[in-house]
């Protein structure tokens, strides 16, 4: 398997790893890396940096949308090996350190094991190191409000619900939103391939995850780069509204007993 790399805008790349995406923003060979996939995706991650004309040594920072294992898998490796700073929302910093863990439990997965896609997804998670903990020893909150002084000039925006400190990254200069797990376009446990929330069992607070879609409805742009699923081309507020309407219309899905 090789990482599937798609350039979606100038200096902006969506990389499909094994069930999880990461984003690379480049500027003259320097890079910003948003999320890092599963621990088992490391070879694909490093390969993708080279493929877009950068390298692990030239990653200016790792930005986390949130600290689930399928998104921070190689963040600590990059920090300790190359000195790469790892930034996330201040509310997500203790989560990245693993002071606590807001992630679907084995029990909740087993309760939902009868649903289509859940057991194959769980098996893949085990194979990819998704149940091992890889905390970031020294995660940092964003150093400033507004656009970060990094390749791509990403603007972090707090969107709690999936986790307490989940955030998305807006790239207004190229009309792109990196949405992490606040808004996805697919997942192995979903039969849909369009803008949607993840199934309920994955959210720390589903009601806040739904409410955060209202934040996304205020952001201009026409390219959505999710944490799971393909890129979505279309007005971002409309995509967020579609996911919100679906989430409010349907009954809660997946057993959520802890």
C-alpha atoms as a PDB file:
ATOM      1  CA  UNK A   1       0.000   0.000   0.000  1.00  0.00           C
ATOM      2  CA  UNK A   2       1.094   3.563  -0.752  1.00  0.00           C
ATOM      3  CA  UNK A   3      -0.380   6.771   0.591  1.00  0.00           C
ATOM      4  CA  UNK A   4      -2.947   8.280  -1.764  1.00  0.00           C
ATOM      5  CA  UNK A   5      -1.917  11.924  -2.239  1.00  0.00           C
ATOM      6  CA  UNK A   6      -4.249  14.474  -3.848  1.00  0.00           C
ATOM      7  CA  UNK A   7      -3.335  18.101  -4.469  1.00  0.00           C
ATOM      8  CA  UNK A   8      -6.539  20.070  -3.963  1.00  0.00           C
ATOM      9  CA  UNK A   9      -5.245  23.668  -4.043  1.00  0.00           C
ATOM     10  CA  UNK A  10      -1.873  25.428  -4.370  1.00  0.00           C
ATOM     11  CA  UNK A  11       0.450  23.975  -1.728  1.00  0.00           C
ATOM     12  CA  UNK A  12      -2.424  21.968  -0.209  1.00  0.00           C
ATOM     13  CA  UNK A  13      -2.484  18.172  -0.195  1.00  0.00           C
ATOM     14  CA  UNK A  14      -4.977  15.663   1.160  1.00  0.00           C
ATOM     15  CA  UNK A  15      -3.383  12.312   1.973  1.00  0.00           C
ATOM     16  CA  UNK A  16      -5.519   9.219   2.479  1.00  0.00           C
ATOM     17  CA  UNK A  17      -3.830   6.870   4.922  1.00  0.00           C
ATOM     18  CA  UNK A  18      -5.380   3.679   6.229  1.00  0.00           C
ATOM     19  CA  UNK A  19      -8.890   4.851   7.139  1.00  0.00           C
ATOM     20  CA  UNK A  20      -7.662   8.305   8.264  1.00  0.00           C
ATOM     21  CA  UNK A  21      -6.515  11.396   6.360  1.00  0.00           C
ATOM     22  CA  UNK A  22      -3.808  13.931   7.019  1.00  0.00           C
ATOM     23  CA  UNK A  23      -3.127  17.240   5.292  1.00  0.00           C
ATOM     24  CA  UNK A  24       0.175  18.736   4.168  1.00  0.00           C
ATOM     25  CA  UNK A  25       0.538  22.471   3.529  1.00  0.00           C
ATOM     26  CA  UNK A  26       3.728  23.460   1.730  1.00  0.00           C
ATOM     27  CA  UNK A  27       5.654  26.650   1.055  1.00  0.00           C
ATOM     28  CA  UNK A  28       9.057  26.409  -0.682  1.00  0.00           C
ATOM     29  CA  UNK A  29       9.648  22.935   0.733  1.00  0.00           C
ATOM     30  CA  UNK A  30       8.679  23.824   4.297  1.00  0.00           C
ATOM     31  CA  UNK A  31       5.527  22.111   5.496  1.00  0.00           C
ATOM     32  CA  UNK A  32       2.733  22.209   8.024  1.00  0.00           C
ATOM     33  CA  UNK A  33       1.342  18.764   8.846  1.00  0.00           C
ATOM     34  CA  UNK A  34      -2.243  18.564  10.079  1.00  0.00           C
ATOM     35  CA  UNK A  35      -2.772  15.225  11.851  1.00  0.00           C
ATOM     36  CA  UNK A  36      -0.556  12.180  11.381  1.00  0.00           C
ATOM     37  CA  UNK A  37      -2.801   9.126  10.964  1.00  0.00           C
ATOM     38  CA  UNK A  38      -2.537   5.872  12.892  1.00  0.00           C
ATOM     39  CA  UNK A  39       0.783   4.801  14.422  1.00  0.00           C
ATOM     40  CA  UNK A  40       0.883   2.124  11.734  1.00  0.00           C
ATOM     41  CA  UNK A  41       0.667   4.788   9.005  1.00  0.00           C
ATOM     42  CA  UNK A  42       4.131   6.171   9.778  1.00  0.00           C
ATOM     43  CA  UNK A  43       5.846   4.868   6.640  1.00  0.00           C
ATOM     44  CA  UNK A  44       3.040   6.297   4.500  1.00  0.00           C
ATOM     45  CA  UNK A  45       3.267   9.600   6.358  1.00  0.00           C
ATOM     46  CA  UNK A  46       6.994   9.984   5.785  1.00  0.00           C
ATOM     47  CA  UNK A  47       6.627   8.902   2.161  1.00  0.00           C
ATOM     48  CA  UNK A  48       3.913  11.504   1.584  1.00  0.00           C
ATOM     49  CA  UNK A  49       6.125  14.335   2.860  1.00  0.00           C
ATOM     50  CA  UNK A  50       8.826  13.381   0.379  1.00  0.00           C
ATOM     51  CA  UNK A  51       6.303  13.020  -2.441  1.00  0.00           C
ATOM     52  CA  UNK A  52       5.140  16.651  -2.081  1.00  0.00           C
ATOM     53  CA  UNK A  53       8.696  18.001  -2.100  1.00  0.00           C
ATOM     54  CA  UNK A  54       9.274  18.302   1.622  1.00  0.00           C
ATOM     55  CA  UNK A  55      10.740  16.010   4.289  1.00  0.00           C
ATOM     56  CA  UNK A  56      10.257  15.227   7.983  1.00  0.00           C
ATOM     57  CA  UNK A  57      13.126  17.599   8.811  1.00  0.00           C
ATOM     58  CA  UNK A  58      11.294  20.460   7.088  1.00  0.00           C
ATOM     59  CA  UNK A  59       7.959  20.116   8.906  1.00  0.00           C
ATOM     60  CA  UNK A  60       7.586  23.414  10.736  1.00  0.00           C
ATOM     61  CA  UNK A  61       4.847  22.087  13.030  1.00  0.00           C
ATOM     62  CA  UNK A  62       2.329  19.331  13.552  1.00  0.00           C
ATOM     63  CA  UNK A  63      -1.180  20.647  14.135  1.00  0.00           C
ATOM     64  CA  UNK A  64      -3.711  18.268  15.675  1.00  0.00           C
ATOM     65  CA  UNK A  65      -7.417  18.549  15.033  1.00  0.00           C
ATOM     66  CA  UNK A  66      -7.766  16.337  18.108  1.00  0.00           C
ATOM     67  CA  UNK A  67      -5.844  13.709  20.031  1.00  0.00           C
ATOM     68  CA  UNK A  68      -7.478  10.439  19.063  1.00  0.00           C
ATOM     69  CA  UNK A  69      -5.007   7.687  18.257  1.00  0.00           C
ATOM     70  CA  UNK A  70      -5.823   7.659  14.542  1.00  0.00           C
ATOM     71  CA  UNK A  71      -4.865  11.341  14.274  1.00  0.00           C
ATOM     72  CA  UNK A  72      -1.878  11.800  16.582  1.00  0.00           C
ATOM     73  CA  UNK A  73      -0.212   8.450  15.788  1.00  0.00           C
ATOM     74  CA  UNK A  74       3.224   9.814  14.757  1.00  0.00           C
ATOM     75  CA  UNK A  75       3.128  13.248  16.405  1.00  0.00           C
ATOM     76  CA  UNK A  76       5.410  12.280  19.280  1.00  0.00           C
ATOM     77  CA  UNK A  77       7.756  10.463  16.903  1.00  0.00           C
ATOM     78  CA  UNK A  78       8.193  13.652  14.864  1.00  0.00           C
ATOM     79  CA  UNK A  79       8.627  15.733  18.016  1.00  0.00           C
ATOM     80  CA  UNK A  80      11.317  13.517  19.533  1.00  0.00           C
ATOM     81  CA  UNK A  81      13.104  12.605  16.297  1.00  0.00           C
ATOM     82  CA  UNK A  82      13.095  15.942  14.483  1.00  0.00           C
ATOM     83  CA  UNK A  83      12.219  18.457  17.193  1.00  0.00           C
ATOM     84  CA  UNK A  84       8.900  19.264  15.498  1.00  0.00           C
ATOM     85  CA  UNK A  85       6.566  21.265  17.756  1.00  0.00           C
ATOM     86  CA  UNK A  86       3.073  19.830  18.192  1.00  0.00           C
ATOM     87  CA  UNK A  87       0.234  22.329  18.578  1.00  0.00           C
ATOM     88  CA  UNK A  88      -3.417  21.835  19.421  1.00  0.00           C
ATOM     89  CA  UNK A  89      -6.238  23.723  21.130  1.00  0.00           C
ATOM     90  CA  UNK A  90      -5.538  24.478  24.782  1.00  0.00           C
ATOM     91  CA  UNK A  91      -8.460  22.257  25.848  1.00  0.00           C
ATOM     92  CA  UNK A  92      -6.932  19.367  23.872  1.00  0.00           C
ATOM     93  CA  UNK A  93      -3.421  19.717  25.332  1.00  0.00           C
ATOM     94  CA  UNK A  94      -4.090  17.466  28.377  1.00  0.00           C
ATOM     95  CA  UNK A  95      -5.846  14.978  26.107  1.00  0.00           C
ATOM     96  CA  UNK A  96      -2.774  14.810  23.845  1.00  0.00           C
ATOM     97  CA  UNK A  97      -0.624  14.187  26.959  1.00  0.00           C
ATOM     98  CA  UNK A  98      -3.101  11.454  27.967  1.00  0.00           C
ATOM     99  CA  UNK A  99      -3.971  13.076  31.246  1.00  0.00           C
ATOM    100  CA  UNK A 100      -7.349  11.587  30.297  1.00  0.00           C
ATOM    101  CA  UNK A 101      -8.782   9.785  27.268  1.00  0.00           C
ATOM    102  CA  UNK A 102     -11.949  10.768  25.419  1.00  0.00           C
ATOM    103  CA  UNK A 103     -12.178   7.904  22.943  1.00  0.00           C
ATOM    104  CA  UNK A 104     -14.673   5.174  22.148  1.00  0.00           C
ATOM    105  CA  UNK A 105     -14.215   2.312  24.586  1.00  0.00           C
ATOM    106  CA  UNK A 106     -13.815  -1.359  23.722  1.00  0.00           C
ATOM    107  CA  UNK A 107     -17.120  -2.003  25.464  1.00  0.00           C
ATOM    108  CA  UNK A 108     -18.986   0.454  23.267  1.00  0.00           C
ATOM    109  CA  UNK A 109     -17.421  -1.042  20.155  1.00  0.00           C
ATOM    110  CA  UNK A 110     -18.494  -4.536  21.217  1.00  0.00           C
ATOM    111  CA  UNK A 111     -22.045  -3.361  21.908  1.00  0.00           C
ATOM    112  CA  UNK A 112     -22.168  -2.030  18.337  1.00  0.00           C
ATOM    113  CA  UNK A 113     -20.356  -4.978  16.776  1.00  0.00           C
ATOM    114  CA  UNK A 114     -23.495  -6.209  15.022  1.00  0.00           C
ATOM    115  CA  UNK A 115     -23.651  -3.061  12.904  1.00  0.00           C
ATOM    116  CA  UNK A 116     -22.247  -3.142   9.361  1.00  0.00           C
ATOM    117  CA  UNK A 117     -18.584  -2.186   9.170  1.00  0.00           C
ATOM    118  CA  UNK A 118     -17.881  -2.020  12.907  1.00  0.00           C
ATOM    119  CA  UNK A 119     -15.949  -5.277  13.316  1.00  0.00           C
ATOM    120  CA  UNK A 120     -13.788  -4.784  10.180  1.00  0.00           C
ATOM    121  CA  UNK A 121     -13.058  -1.235  11.339  1.00  0.00           C
ATOM    122  CA  UNK A 122     -12.128  -2.518  14.814  1.00  0.00           C
ATOM    123  CA  UNK A 123      -9.828  -5.175  13.334  1.00  0.00           C
ATOM    124  CA  UNK A 124      -8.093  -2.550  11.214  1.00  0.00           C
ATOM    125  CA  UNK A 125      -7.708  -0.312  14.249  1.00  0.00           C
ATOM    126  CA  UNK A 126      -5.943  -3.115  16.128  1.00  0.00           C
ATOM    127  CA  UNK A 127      -3.624  -3.871  13.195  1.00  0.00           C
ATOM    128  CA  UNK A 128      -2.740  -0.178  12.823  1.00  0.00           C
ATOM    129  CA  UNK A 129      -1.813   0.360  16.478  1.00  0.00           C
ATOM    130  CA  UNK A 130      -4.951   2.330  17.195  1.00  0.00           C
ATOM    131  CA  UNK A 131      -5.423   0.908  20.693  1.00  0.00           C
ATOM    132  CA  UNK A 132      -1.843   1.613  21.826  1.00  0.00           C
ATOM    133  CA  UNK A 133      -1.255   4.947  23.484  1.00  0.00           C
ATOM    134  CA  UNK A 134       1.297   7.328  21.961  1.00  0.00           C
ATOM    135  CA  UNK A 135       0.934  10.473  24.089  1.00  0.00           C
ATOM    136  CA  UNK A 136       2.655  13.685  23.117  1.00  0.00           C
ATOM    137  CA  UNK A 137       4.949  14.531  26.008  1.00  0.00           C
ATOM    138  CA  UNK A 138       4.991  18.285  25.373  1.00  0.00           C
ATOM    139  CA  UNK A 139       2.007  19.389  23.293  1.00  0.00           C
ATOM    140  CA  UNK A 140       1.609  23.143  23.066  1.00  0.00           C
ATOM    141  CA  UNK A 141      -1.430  25.401  22.787  1.00  0.00           C
ATOM    142  CA  UNK A 142      -1.548  27.652  19.754  1.00  0.00           C
ATOM    143  CA  UNK A 143       0.952  30.496  20.216  1.00  0.00           C
ATOM    144  CA  UNK A 144      -1.365  33.186  18.902  1.00  0.00           C
ATOM    145  CA  UNK A 145      -4.954  33.866  17.947  1.00  0.00           C
ATOM    146  CA  UNK A 146      -5.907  33.933  14.280  1.00  0.00           C
ATOM    147  CA  UNK A 147      -3.744  32.710  11.427  1.00  0.00           C
ATOM    148  CA  UNK A 148      -0.659  30.787  12.472  1.00  0.00           C
ATOM    149  CA  UNK A 149       2.718  31.848  11.105  1.00  0.00           C
ATOM    150  CA  UNK A 150       3.237  28.526   9.351  1.00  0.00           C
ATOM    151  CA  UNK A 151       3.066  27.283   5.751  1.00  0.00           C
ATOM    152  CA  UNK A 152      -0.530  27.649   4.579  1.00  0.00           C
ATOM    153  CA  UNK A 153      -1.385  30.246   7.253  1.00  0.00           C
ATOM    154  CA  UNK A 154      -4.016  27.966   8.844  1.00  0.00           C
ATOM    155  CA  UNK A 155      -6.577  29.530  11.175  1.00  0.00           C
ATOM    156  CA  UNK A 156      -7.566  27.226  14.088  1.00  0.00           C
ATOM    157  CA  UNK A 157     -11.244  27.310  15.082  1.00  0.00           C
ATOM    158  CA  UNK A 158     -12.510  25.521  18.190  1.00  0.00           C
ATOM    159  CA  UNK A 159     -15.276  23.009  17.385  1.00  0.00           C
ATOM    160  CA  UNK A 160     -15.892  20.961  20.552  1.00  0.00           C
ATOM    161  CA  UNK A 161     -18.025  17.860  20.778  1.00  0.00           C
ATOM    162  CA  UNK A 162     -16.085  15.097  19.116  1.00  0.00           C
ATOM    163  CA  UNK A 163     -13.538  15.863  21.835  1.00  0.00           C
ATOM    164  CA  UNK A 164     -13.393  18.778  24.262  1.00  0.00           C
ATOM    165  CA  UNK A 165     -10.646  20.562  22.363  1.00  0.00           C
ATOM    166  CA  UNK A 166     -11.374  19.529  18.783  1.00  0.00           C
ATOM    167  CA  UNK A 167     -10.606  22.249  16.272  1.00  0.00           C
ATOM    168  CA  UNK A 168     -10.754  22.705  12.525  1.00  0.00           C
ATOM    169  CA  UNK A 169      -8.329  24.694  10.370  1.00  0.00           C
ATOM    170  CA  UNK A 170      -9.586  27.279   7.899  1.00  0.00           C
ATOM    171  CA  UNK A 171      -7.420  28.236   4.921  1.00  0.00           C
ATOM    172  CA  UNK A 172      -9.263  31.305   3.636  1.00  0.00           C
ATOM    173  CA  UNK A 173      -6.652  32.150   0.995  1.00  0.00           C
ATOM    174  CA  UNK A 174      -7.416  28.937  -0.927  1.00  0.00           C
ATOM    175  CA  UNK A 175     -11.016  28.363   0.190  1.00  0.00           C
ATOM    176  CA  UNK A 176     -10.272  25.187   2.121  1.00  0.00           C
ATOM    177  CA  UNK A 177     -11.533  23.858   5.445  1.00  0.00           C
ATOM    178  CA  UNK A 178      -9.641  21.050   7.186  1.00  0.00           C
ATOM    179  CA  UNK A 179     -12.450  19.632   9.288  1.00  0.00           C
ATOM    180  CA  UNK A 180     -10.918  16.703  11.172  1.00  0.00           C
ATOM    181  CA  UNK A 181     -13.742  14.683  12.739  1.00  0.00           C
ATOM    182  CA  UNK A 182     -16.105  17.633  13.193  1.00  0.00           C
ATOM    183  CA  UNK A 183     -17.443  16.965   9.688  1.00  0.00           C
ATOM    184  CA  UNK A 184     -16.500  13.942   7.594  1.00  0.00           C
ATOM    185  CA  UNK A 185     -17.510  12.552   4.208  1.00  0.00           C
ATOM    186  CA  UNK A 186     -17.199   8.843   4.925  1.00  0.00           C
ATOM    187  CA  UNK A 187     -16.080   6.212   7.414  1.00  0.00           C
ATOM    188  CA  UNK A 188     -15.824   2.396   7.382  1.00  0.00           C
ATOM    189  CA  UNK A 189     -18.777   2.258   9.806  1.00  0.00           C
ATOM    190  CA  UNK A 190     -20.985   4.520   7.669  1.00  0.00           C
ATOM    191  CA  UNK A 191     -22.813   3.710   4.454  1.00  0.00           C
ATOM    192  CA  UNK A 192     -22.770   7.349   3.354  1.00  0.00           C
ATOM    193  CA  UNK A 193     -20.246   9.167   1.172  1.00  0.00           C
ATOM    194  CA  UNK A 194     -21.184  12.789   1.659  1.00  0.00           C
ATOM    195  CA  UNK A 195     -20.958  15.409   4.462  1.00  0.00           C
ATOM    196  CA  UNK A 196     -22.004  13.869   7.780  1.00  0.00           C
ATOM    197  CA  UNK A 197     -21.195  13.479  11.438  1.00  0.00           C
ATOM    198  CA  UNK A 198     -19.429  10.339  12.514  1.00  0.00           C
ATOM    199  CA  UNK A 199     -21.661   7.717  14.170  1.00  0.00           C
ATOM    200  CA  UNK A 200     -22.665   8.681  17.696  1.00  0.00           C
ATOM    201  CA  UNK A 201     -20.401   6.282  19.577  1.00  0.00           C
ATOM    202  CA  UNK A 202     -17.332   8.194  18.423  1.00  0.00           C
ATOM    203  CA  UNK A 203     -18.330  11.559  19.943  1.00  0.00           C
ATOM    204  CA  UNK A 204     -17.503  12.615  23.480  1.00  0.00           C
ATOM    205  CA  UNK A 205     -20.573  14.920  23.464  1.00  0.00           C
ATOM    206  CA  UNK A 206     -22.803  14.452  20.446  1.00  0.00           C
ATOM    207  CA  UNK A 207     -24.992  17.499  21.168  1.00  0.00           C
ATOM    208  CA  UNK A 208     -21.937  19.771  21.119  1.00  0.00           C
ATOM    209  CA  UNK A 209     -20.681  18.086  17.952  1.00  0.00           C
ATOM    210  CA  UNK A 210     -24.000  18.934  16.283  1.00  0.00           C
ATOM    211  CA  UNK A 211     -23.831  22.500  17.638  1.00  0.00           C
ATOM    212  CA  UNK A 212     -20.316  22.934  16.246  1.00  0.00           C
ATOM    213  CA  UNK A 213     -21.698  22.437  12.751  1.00  0.00           C
ATOM    214  CA  UNK A 214     -23.222  25.901  13.173  1.00  0.00           C
ATOM    215  CA  UNK A 215     -19.674  27.262  13.450  1.00  0.00           C
ATOM    216  CA  UNK A 216     -18.721  25.576  10.172  1.00  0.00           C
ATOM    217  CA  UNK A 217     -21.764  27.133   8.504  1.00  0.00           C
ATOM    218  CA  UNK A 218     -20.091  30.554   8.942  1.00  0.00           C
ATOM    219  CA  UNK A 219     -16.865  29.659   7.124  1.00  0.00           C
ATOM    220  CA  UNK A 220     -16.366  30.570   3.490  1.00  0.00           C
ATOM    221  CA  UNK A 221     -14.756  28.170   1.047  1.00  0.00           C
ATOM    222  CA  UNK A 222     -15.558  25.420  -1.406  1.00  0.00           C
ATOM    223  CA  UNK A 223     -13.173  22.564  -0.554  1.00  0.00           C
ATOM    224  CA  UNK A 224     -13.693  20.390   2.516  1.00  0.00           C
ATOM    225  CA  UNK A 225     -10.830  18.140   3.637  1.00  0.00           C
ATOM    226  CA  UNK A 226     -12.157  15.770   6.310  1.00  0.00           C
ATOM    227  CA  UNK A 227     -10.416  13.426   8.711  1.00  0.00           C
ATOM    228  CA  UNK A 228     -12.246  10.512   7.086  1.00  0.00           C
ATOM    229  CA  UNK A 229     -13.568  10.163   3.550  1.00  0.00           C
ATOM    230  CA  UNK A 230     -12.825  11.905   0.260  1.00  0.00           C
ATOM    231  CA  UNK A 231     -12.485  15.618  -0.342  1.00  0.00           C
ATOM    232  CA  UNK A 232     -15.792  17.395  -0.839  1.00  0.00           C
ATOM    233  CA  UNK A 233     -16.064  20.112  -3.473  1.00  0.00           C
ATOM    234  CA  UNK A 234     -18.913  22.479  -2.758  1.00  0.00           C
ATOM    235  CA  UNK A 235     -19.805  25.439  -0.563  1.00  0.00           C
ATOM    236  CA  UNK A 236     -18.717  24.631   2.993  1.00  0.00           C
ATOM    237  CA  UNK A 237     -21.749  26.175   4.753  1.00  0.00           C
ATOM    238  CA  UNK A 238     -24.029  24.013   2.614  1.00  0.00           C
ATOM    239  CA  UNK A 239     -22.046  20.883   3.488  1.00  0.00           C
ATOM    240  CA  UNK A 240     -22.265  21.714   7.198  1.00  0.00           C
ATOM    241  CA  UNK A 241     -25.998  22.370   6.908  1.00  0.00           C
ATOM    242  CA  UNK A 242     -26.498  19.041   5.149  1.00  0.00           C
ATOM    243  CA  UNK A 243     -24.743  17.208   7.975  1.00  0.00           C
ATOM    244  CA  UNK A 244     -26.660  19.170  10.599  1.00  0.00           C
ATOM    245  CA  UNK A 245     -30.043  18.470   8.990  1.00  0.00           C
ATOM    246  CA  UNK A 246     -29.259  14.767   8.780  1.00  0.00           C
ATOM    247  CA  UNK A 247     -28.028  14.647  12.387  1.00  0.00           C
ATOM    248  CA  UNK A 248     -31.147  16.378  13.729  1.00  0.00           C
ATOM    249  CA  UNK A 249     -33.571  14.385  11.599  1.00  0.00           C
ATOM    250  CA  UNK A 250     -32.447  10.889  12.382  1.00  0.00           C
ATOM    251  CA  UNK A 251     -32.642   9.071  15.712  1.00  0.00           C
ATOM    252  CA  UNK A 252     -29.434   8.603  17.641  1.00  0.00           C
ATOM    253  CA  UNK A 253     -27.405   5.808  16.081  1.00  0.00           C
ATOM    254  CA  UNK A 254     -25.125   3.258  17.663  1.00  0.00           C
ATOM    255  CA  UNK A 255     -25.285   2.184  21.292  1.00  0.00           C
ATOM    256  CA  UNK A 256     -23.590   4.793  23.448  1.00  0.00           C
ATOM    257  CA  UNK A 257     -23.636   3.145  26.883  1.00  0.00           C
ATOM    258  CA  UNK A 258     -20.195   3.608  28.417  1.00  0.00           C
END
